[in-house]
Structures are given as C-alpha cells and as structure tokens.
Amino acid sequence: QVQLVESGGGLVQAGGSLRLSCAASGTIFIRNAMGWFRQAPGKQRELVATISSGGSTNYADSVKGRFTISRDNTKNTVYLQMNSLKPEDTAVYYCNLRSFRTMSDYWGQGTQVTVSS
C-alpha cells in the first residue's frame, strides 16, 4: 500500500503563488509517475501535471507556463509550484501516484486552493 500526504494549500490573491507538496510512503516501486489533479465544485477531476520517476513532465494547457512540477526521488516527494494564480485555479488539488509495476493508482486526501479576485 501507498500513502500520500499533501500540504501547502491555502488562500491567495490572484497573481500570487503557492507551493504544494506531496510525500509518499509505503511500498513504492521505482517505475512510477506522480502528479497533481484538481476538482472544482460541480466539475470533473482534471489533470494538472504529472512527472515520471525519470523526470518526464506533462502539463494541462491551462497551467503551462505558470505551474512547475518537480520531484525528489530520494524523499518520494512531488511538488507543484503555482505562479500567476487565477480565480479559475480554485479547486481541491489531489496528489496521485501511479505504479507502472502494479498499474495501481493512489490518491491523497486533497488540499484546498482558493484564489481570490
């Protein structure tokens, strides 16, 4: 089993920045991808950004140029630096780990990000 613990959400004004962190623990195989998804009220959960254990990244078009995902494999931790935040970025942000060995998905409990206009 894998446990994911997120931190770093909060309230920020438009144009501001936040940094999310997600630490994974448990049985973690080397080949995996970690990432962030978000869900706004009344909307489906959507991908924000992912990063593989080898460092390959993928971003939603809506956050390209504003958000940066990174990871520290020695700490099994993934980060999401969010700059130039917009009110439409308001959502609950969920950390995800996908194990390529078991093809299992694991989720964190979510952290609220609120951007005021």
N, C-alpha and C. Protein backbone atom coordinates (compact mmCIF):
# COMPACT_ATOMS: atom_id res chain seq x y z
N GLN A 1 0.83 -1.19 0.00
CA GLN A 1 0.00 0.00 0.00
C GLN A 1 0.86 1.24 0.00
N VAL A 2 0.29 2.32 -0.54
CA VAL A 2 0.98 3.60 -0.61
C VAL A 2 0.10 4.66 0.05
N GLN A 3 0.71 5.49 0.84
CA GLN A 3 0.01 6.61 1.46
C GLN A 3 0.60 7.91 0.92
N LEU A 4 -0.28 8.86 0.63
CA LEU A 4 0.13 10.17 0.11
C LEU A 4 -0.40 11.25 1.05
N VAL A 5 0.48 12.13 1.46
CA VAL A 5 0.10 13.23 2.36
C VAL A 5 0.46 14.55 1.69
N GLU A 6 -0.56 15.36 1.46
CA GLU A 6 -0.37 16.65 0.78
C GLU A 6 -0.27 17.78 1.80
N SER A 7 0.37 18.85 1.39
CA SER A 7 0.42 20.06 2.20
C SER A 7 0.64 21.26 1.28
N GLY A 8 0.34 22.45 1.81
CA GLY A 8 0.67 23.66 1.07
C GLY A 8 -0.49 24.41 0.46
N GLY A 9 -1.69 23.91 0.58
CA GLY A 9 -2.83 24.64 0.04
C GLY A 9 -3.14 25.87 0.87
N GLY A 10 -4.09 26.67 0.40
CA GLY A 10 -4.49 27.85 1.15
C GLY A 10 -5.21 28.86 0.30
N LEU A 11 -5.31 30.06 0.85
CA LEU A 11 -5.98 31.18 0.19
C LEU A 11 -4.94 32.18 -0.29
N VAL A 12 -5.06 32.58 -1.54
CA VAL A 12 -4.11 33.53 -2.11
C VAL A 12 -4.84 34.45 -3.07
N GLN A 13 -4.33 35.65 -3.24
CA GLN A 13 -4.93 36.59 -4.19
C GLN A 13 -4.49 36.25 -5.61
N ALA A 14 -5.29 36.66 -6.56
CA ALA A 14 -4.94 36.46 -7.96
C ALA A 14 -3.57 37.08 -8.25
N GLY A 15 -2.77 36.34 -8.99
CA GLY A 15 -1.42 36.77 -9.29
C GLY A 15 -0.39 36.25 -8.32
N GLY A 16 -0.85 35.67 -7.23
CA GLY A 16 0.06 35.16 -6.21
C GLY A 16 0.57 33.77 -6.52
N SER A 17 1.30 33.21 -5.55
CA SER A 17 1.92 31.90 -5.72
C SER A 17 1.66 31.01 -4.53
N LEU A 18 1.65 29.72 -4.79
CA LEU A 18 1.58 28.69 -3.76
C LEU A 18 2.43 27.52 -4.19
N ARG A 19 2.91 26.77 -3.20
CA ARG A 19 3.67 25.56 -3.50
C ARG A 19 3.05 24.40 -2.76
N LEU A 20 2.64 23.40 -3.50
CA LEU A 20 2.08 22.19 -2.92
C LEU A 20 3.16 21.12 -2.82
N SER A 21 3.06 20.31 -1.77
CA SER A 21 3.97 19.18 -1.59
C SER A 21 3.15 17.93 -1.34
N CYS A 22 3.70 16.80 -1.74
CA CYS A 22 3.04 15.52 -1.50
C CYS A 22 4.12 14.48 -1.23
N ALA A 23 4.06 13.92 -0.04
CA ALA A 23 5.04 12.90 0.35
C ALA A 23 4.39 11.52 0.30
N ALA A 24 5.05 10.61 -0.37
CA ALA A 24 4.56 9.24 -0.49
C ALA A 24 5.33 8.32 0.45
N SER A 25 4.61 7.37 1.02
CA SER A 25 5.23 6.38 1.88
C SER A 25 4.59 5.03 1.62
N GLY A 26 5.28 3.96 2.07
CA GLY A 26 4.76 2.63 1.86
C GLY A 26 5.60 1.88 0.84
N THR A 27 4.98 0.95 0.16
CA THR A 27 5.67 0.13 -0.84
C THR A 27 5.63 0.86 -2.18
N ILE A 28 6.73 1.47 -2.54
CA ILE A 28 6.80 2.28 -3.76
C ILE A 28 7.82 1.69 -4.70
N PHE A 29 7.36 1.23 -5.84
CA PHE A 29 8.26 0.69 -6.83
C PHE A 29 8.88 1.82 -7.64
N ILE A 30 10.05 1.56 -8.18
CA ILE A 30 10.83 2.62 -8.82
C ILE A 30 10.09 3.25 -10.00
N ARG A 31 9.51 2.40 -10.86
CA ARG A 31 8.86 2.92 -12.06
C ARG A 31 7.47 3.39 -11.71
N ASN A 32 7.32 4.72 -11.64
CA ASN A 32 6.01 5.27 -11.32
C ASN A 32 5.91 6.69 -11.86
N ALA A 33 4.75 7.22 -11.79
CA ALA A 33 4.53 8.63 -12.11
C ALA A 33 3.76 9.24 -10.95
N MET A 34 4.13 10.46 -10.61
CA MET A 34 3.40 11.19 -9.59
C MET A 34 2.84 12.45 -10.24
N GLY A 35 1.75 12.93 -9.68
CA GLY A 35 1.17 14.10 -10.31
C GLY A 35 0.11 14.74 -9.45
N TRP A 36 -0.45 15.77 -10.03
CA TRP A 36 -1.50 16.54 -9.37
C TRP A 36 -2.72 16.62 -10.28
N PHE A 37 -3.87 16.44 -9.66
CA PHE A 37 -5.15 16.61 -10.31
C PHE A 37 -5.94 17.62 -9.48
N ARG A 38 -6.96 18.17 -10.06
CA ARG A 38 -7.79 19.12 -9.29
C ARG A 38 -9.26 18.95 -9.65
N GLN A 39 -10.09 19.32 -8.69
CA GLN A 39 -11.53 19.23 -8.90
C GLN A 39 -12.19 20.46 -8.31
N ALA A 40 -12.82 21.22 -9.19
CA ALA A 40 -13.58 22.40 -8.77
C ALA A 40 -15.02 21.99 -8.52
N PRO A 41 -15.75 22.76 -7.73
CA PRO A 41 -17.15 22.42 -7.44
C PRO A 41 -17.96 22.26 -8.72
N GLY A 42 -18.67 21.15 -8.81
CA GLY A 42 -19.53 20.92 -9.96
C GLY A 42 -18.82 20.47 -11.21
N LYS A 43 -17.51 20.24 -11.11
CA LYS A 43 -16.74 19.83 -12.28
C LYS A 43 -16.06 18.50 -12.03
N GLN A 44 -15.64 17.87 -13.13
CA GLN A 44 -14.93 16.61 -13.01
C GLN A 44 -13.48 16.86 -12.60
N ARG A 45 -12.88 15.84 -12.01
CA ARG A 45 -11.47 15.93 -11.67
C ARG A 45 -10.66 15.97 -12.96
N GLU A 46 -9.67 16.86 -12.99
CA GLU A 46 -8.87 17.02 -14.20
C GLU A 46 -7.38 16.99 -13.87
N LEU A 47 -6.61 16.56 -14.86
CA LEU A 47 -5.17 16.51 -14.71
C LEU A 47 -4.59 17.92 -14.69
N VAL A 48 -3.63 18.14 -13.80
CA VAL A 48 -2.91 19.41 -13.77
C VAL A 48 -1.50 19.19 -14.33
N ALA A 49 -0.78 18.25 -13.74
CA ALA A 49 0.59 17.97 -14.18
C ALA A 49 1.03 16.63 -13.64
N THR A 50 1.89 15.95 -14.40
CA THR A 50 2.47 14.70 -13.95
C THR A 50 3.96 14.70 -14.22
N ILE A 51 4.67 13.85 -13.47
CA ILE A 51 6.10 13.70 -13.68
C ILE A 51 6.47 12.25 -13.41
N SER A 52 7.23 11.67 -14.32
CA SER A 52 7.63 10.28 -14.14
C SER A 52 8.85 10.20 -13.23
N SER A 53 9.17 8.98 -12.84
CA SER A 53 10.34 8.80 -11.98
C SER A 53 11.62 9.17 -12.74
N GLY A 54 11.55 9.18 -14.08
CA GLY A 54 12.69 9.59 -14.88
C GLY A 54 12.74 11.07 -15.15
N GLY A 55 11.68 11.80 -14.73
CA GLY A 55 11.68 13.25 -14.87
C GLY A 55 10.87 13.80 -16.03
N SER A 56 10.23 12.97 -16.80
CA SER A 56 9.39 13.46 -17.90
C SER A 56 8.13 14.10 -17.34
N THR A 57 7.79 15.26 -17.88
CA THR A 57 6.65 16.01 -17.35
C THR A 57 5.55 16.18 -18.40
N ASN A 58 4.36 16.40 -17.89
CA ASN A 58 3.20 16.65 -18.73
C ASN A 58 2.30 17.65 -18.01
N TYR A 59 1.82 18.66 -18.74
CA TYR A 59 1.01 19.71 -18.13
C TYR A 59 -0.30 19.90 -18.89
N ALA A 60 -1.33 20.27 -18.15
CA ALA A 60 -2.55 20.72 -18.80
C ALA A 60 -2.26 22.05 -19.48
N ASP A 61 -2.91 22.28 -20.61
CA ASP A 61 -2.68 23.53 -21.34
C ASP A 61 -2.98 24.76 -20.48
N SER A 62 -3.95 24.63 -19.60
CA SER A 62 -4.40 25.77 -18.80
C SER A 62 -3.35 26.23 -17.78
N VAL A 63 -2.36 25.39 -17.50
CA VAL A 63 -1.36 25.76 -16.48
C VAL A 63 0.05 25.89 -17.05
N LYS A 64 0.22 25.57 -18.31
CA LYS A 64 1.56 25.66 -18.91
C LYS A 64 2.10 27.08 -18.80
N GLY A 65 3.35 27.17 -18.39
CA GLY A 65 3.99 28.48 -18.23
C GLY A 65 3.76 29.12 -16.89
N ARG A 66 2.82 28.56 -16.10
CA ARG A 66 2.54 29.13 -14.78
C ARG A 66 2.88 28.15 -13.65
N PHE A 67 2.67 26.87 -13.89
CA PHE A 67 2.91 25.84 -12.88
C PHE A 67 4.14 25.02 -13.26
N THR A 68 4.87 24.58 -12.24
CA THR A 68 6.02 23.72 -12.46
C THR A 68 5.96 22.54 -11.50
N ILE A 69 6.02 21.34 -12.05
CA ILE A 69 6.05 20.14 -11.23
C ILE A 69 7.47 19.63 -11.13
N SER A 70 7.82 19.14 -9.95
CA SER A 70 9.15 18.57 -9.75
C SER A 70 9.03 17.46 -8.71
N ARG A 71 10.09 16.67 -8.58
CA ARG A 71 10.05 15.61 -7.59
C ARG A 71 11.45 15.34 -7.06
N ASP A 72 11.46 14.82 -5.84
CA ASP A 72 12.69 14.39 -5.20
C ASP A 72 12.54 12.91 -4.94
N ASN A 73 13.19 12.10 -5.76
CA ASN A 73 13.03 10.64 -5.64
C ASN A 73 13.62 10.10 -4.34
N THR A 74 14.58 10.81 -3.77
CA THR A 74 15.16 10.33 -2.51
C THR A 74 14.18 10.48 -1.36
N LYS A 75 13.23 11.38 -1.53
CA LYS A 75 12.23 11.61 -0.47
C LYS A 75 10.84 11.14 -0.88
N ASN A 76 10.73 10.58 -2.10
CA ASN A 76 9.41 10.18 -2.63
C ASN A 76 8.41 11.31 -2.51
N THR A 77 8.83 12.49 -2.88
CA THR A 77 8.00 13.69 -2.74
C THR A 77 7.88 14.40 -4.08
N VAL A 78 6.67 14.88 -4.35
CA VAL A 78 6.42 15.65 -5.55
C VAL A 78 5.95 17.03 -5.14
N TYR A 79 6.33 18.03 -5.92
CA TYR A 79 6.00 19.41 -5.64
C TYR A 79 5.26 20.02 -6.83
N LEU A 80 4.43 21.02 -6.53
CA LEU A 80 3.79 21.79 -7.59
C LEU A 80 3.93 23.26 -7.24
N GLN A 81 4.79 23.95 -7.96
CA GLN A 81 4.94 25.39 -7.79
C GLN A 81 3.93 26.07 -8.69
N MET A 82 3.05 26.85 -8.09
CA MET A 82 1.99 27.50 -8.84
C MET A 82 2.18 29.02 -8.77
N ASN A 83 2.43 29.62 -9.90
CA ASN A 83 2.63 31.06 -10.00
C ASN A 83 1.52 31.68 -10.84
N SER A 84 1.40 32.99 -10.73
CA SER A 84 0.39 33.73 -11.51
C SER A 84 -0.99 33.07 -11.38
N LEU A 85 -1.36 32.78 -10.17
CA LEU A 85 -2.62 32.07 -9.93
C LEU A 85 -3.81 32.90 -10.35
N LYS A 86 -4.82 32.21 -10.84
CA LYS A 86 -6.06 32.84 -11.30
C LYS A 86 -7.24 32.28 -10.50
N PRO A 87 -8.32 33.03 -10.40
CA PRO A 87 -9.50 32.51 -9.69
C PRO A 87 -9.96 31.16 -10.24
N GLU A 88 -9.80 30.93 -11.51
CA GLU A 88 -10.23 29.64 -12.09
C GLU A 88 -9.33 28.47 -11.68
N ASP A 89 -8.24 28.75 -10.98
CA ASP A 89 -7.40 27.68 -10.43
C ASP A 89 -7.96 27.17 -9.11
N THR A 90 -8.98 27.83 -8.59
CA THR A 90 -9.57 27.41 -7.33
C THR A 90 -10.15 26.01 -7.46
N ALA A 91 -9.73 25.12 -6.55
CA ALA A 91 -10.16 23.73 -6.60
C ALA A 91 -9.53 22.99 -5.42
N VAL A 92 -9.97 21.76 -5.24
CA VAL A 92 -9.27 20.84 -4.36
C VAL A 92 -8.23 20.12 -5.21
N TYR A 93 -6.99 20.18 -4.77
CA TYR A 93 -5.88 19.57 -5.51
C TYR A 93 -5.53 18.23 -4.86
N TYR A 94 -5.47 17.21 -5.70
CA TYR A 94 -5.20 15.86 -5.25
C TYR A 94 -3.86 15.37 -5.79
N CYS A 95 -3.08 14.78 -4.93
CA CYS A 95 -1.84 14.14 -5.33
C CYS A 95 -2.15 12.71 -5.80
N ASN A 96 -1.43 12.28 -6.81
CA ASN A 96 -1.65 10.94 -7.36
C ASN A 96 -0.31 10.26 -7.58
N LEU A 97 -0.29 8.97 -7.31
CA LEU A 97 0.87 8.13 -7.68
C LEU A 97 0.33 6.95 -8.46
N ARG A 98 0.90 6.73 -9.63
CA ARG A 98 0.56 5.56 -10.44
C ARG A 98 1.77 4.65 -10.52
N SER A 99 1.58 3.43 -10.05
CA SER A 99 2.66 2.45 -10.12
C SER A 99 2.58 1.73 -11.46
N PHE A 100 3.66 1.77 -12.23
CA PHE A 100 3.67 1.09 -13.52
C PHE A 100 3.85 -0.41 -13.37
N ARG A 101 4.32 -0.84 -12.20
CA ARG A 101 4.50 -2.28 -11.99
C ARG A 101 3.17 -2.94 -11.70
N THR A 102 2.37 -2.31 -10.86
CA THR A 102 1.09 -2.90 -10.47
C THR A 102 -0.10 -2.27 -11.18
N MET A 103 0.15 -1.16 -11.92
CA MET A 103 -0.91 -0.38 -12.58
C MET A 103 -1.98 0.04 -11.59
N SER A 104 -1.54 0.38 -10.39
CA SER A 104 -2.45 0.86 -9.35
C SER A 104 -2.33 2.37 -9.21
N ASP A 105 -3.44 3.01 -8.90
CA ASP A 105 -3.47 4.44 -8.64
C ASP A 105 -3.71 4.68 -7.16
N TYR A 106 -2.97 5.61 -6.60
CA TYR A 106 -3.14 6.00 -5.21
C TYR A 106 -3.40 7.51 -5.16
N TRP A 107 -4.24 7.90 -4.19
CA TRP A 107 -4.64 9.31 -4.09
C TRP A 107 -4.44 9.85 -2.68
N GLY A 108 -4.09 11.12 -2.63
CA GLY A 108 -4.05 11.81 -1.35
C GLY A 108 -5.45 12.27 -0.97
N GLN A 109 -5.54 12.90 0.20
CA GLN A 109 -6.84 13.32 0.72
C GLN A 109 -7.32 14.63 0.10
N GLY A 110 -6.42 15.34 -0.56
CA GLY A 110 -6.78 16.60 -1.20
C GLY A 110 -6.44 17.80 -0.34
N THR A 111 -6.09 18.88 -0.99
CA THR A 111 -5.81 20.14 -0.29
C THR A 111 -6.48 21.27 -1.06
N GLN A 112 -7.13 22.16 -0.33
CA GLN A 112 -7.91 23.22 -0.96
C GLN A 112 -6.99 24.38 -1.37
N VAL A 113 -7.17 24.82 -2.59
CA VAL A 113 -6.52 26.02 -3.10
C VAL A 113 -7.62 27.00 -3.51
N THR A 114 -7.59 28.17 -2.91
CA THR A 114 -8.60 29.19 -3.24
C THR A 114 -7.88 30.46 -3.69
N VAL A 115 -8.24 30.93 -4.87
CA VAL A 115 -7.64 32.14 -5.42
C VAL A 115 -8.71 33.21 -5.50
N SER A 116 -8.52 34.30 -4.77
CA SER A 116 -9.50 35.38 -4.75
C SER A 116 -9.16 36.42 -5.81
N SER A 117 -10.20 37.01 -6.34
CA SER A 117 -10.00 38.02 -7.41
C SER A 117 -9.86 39.41 -6.84
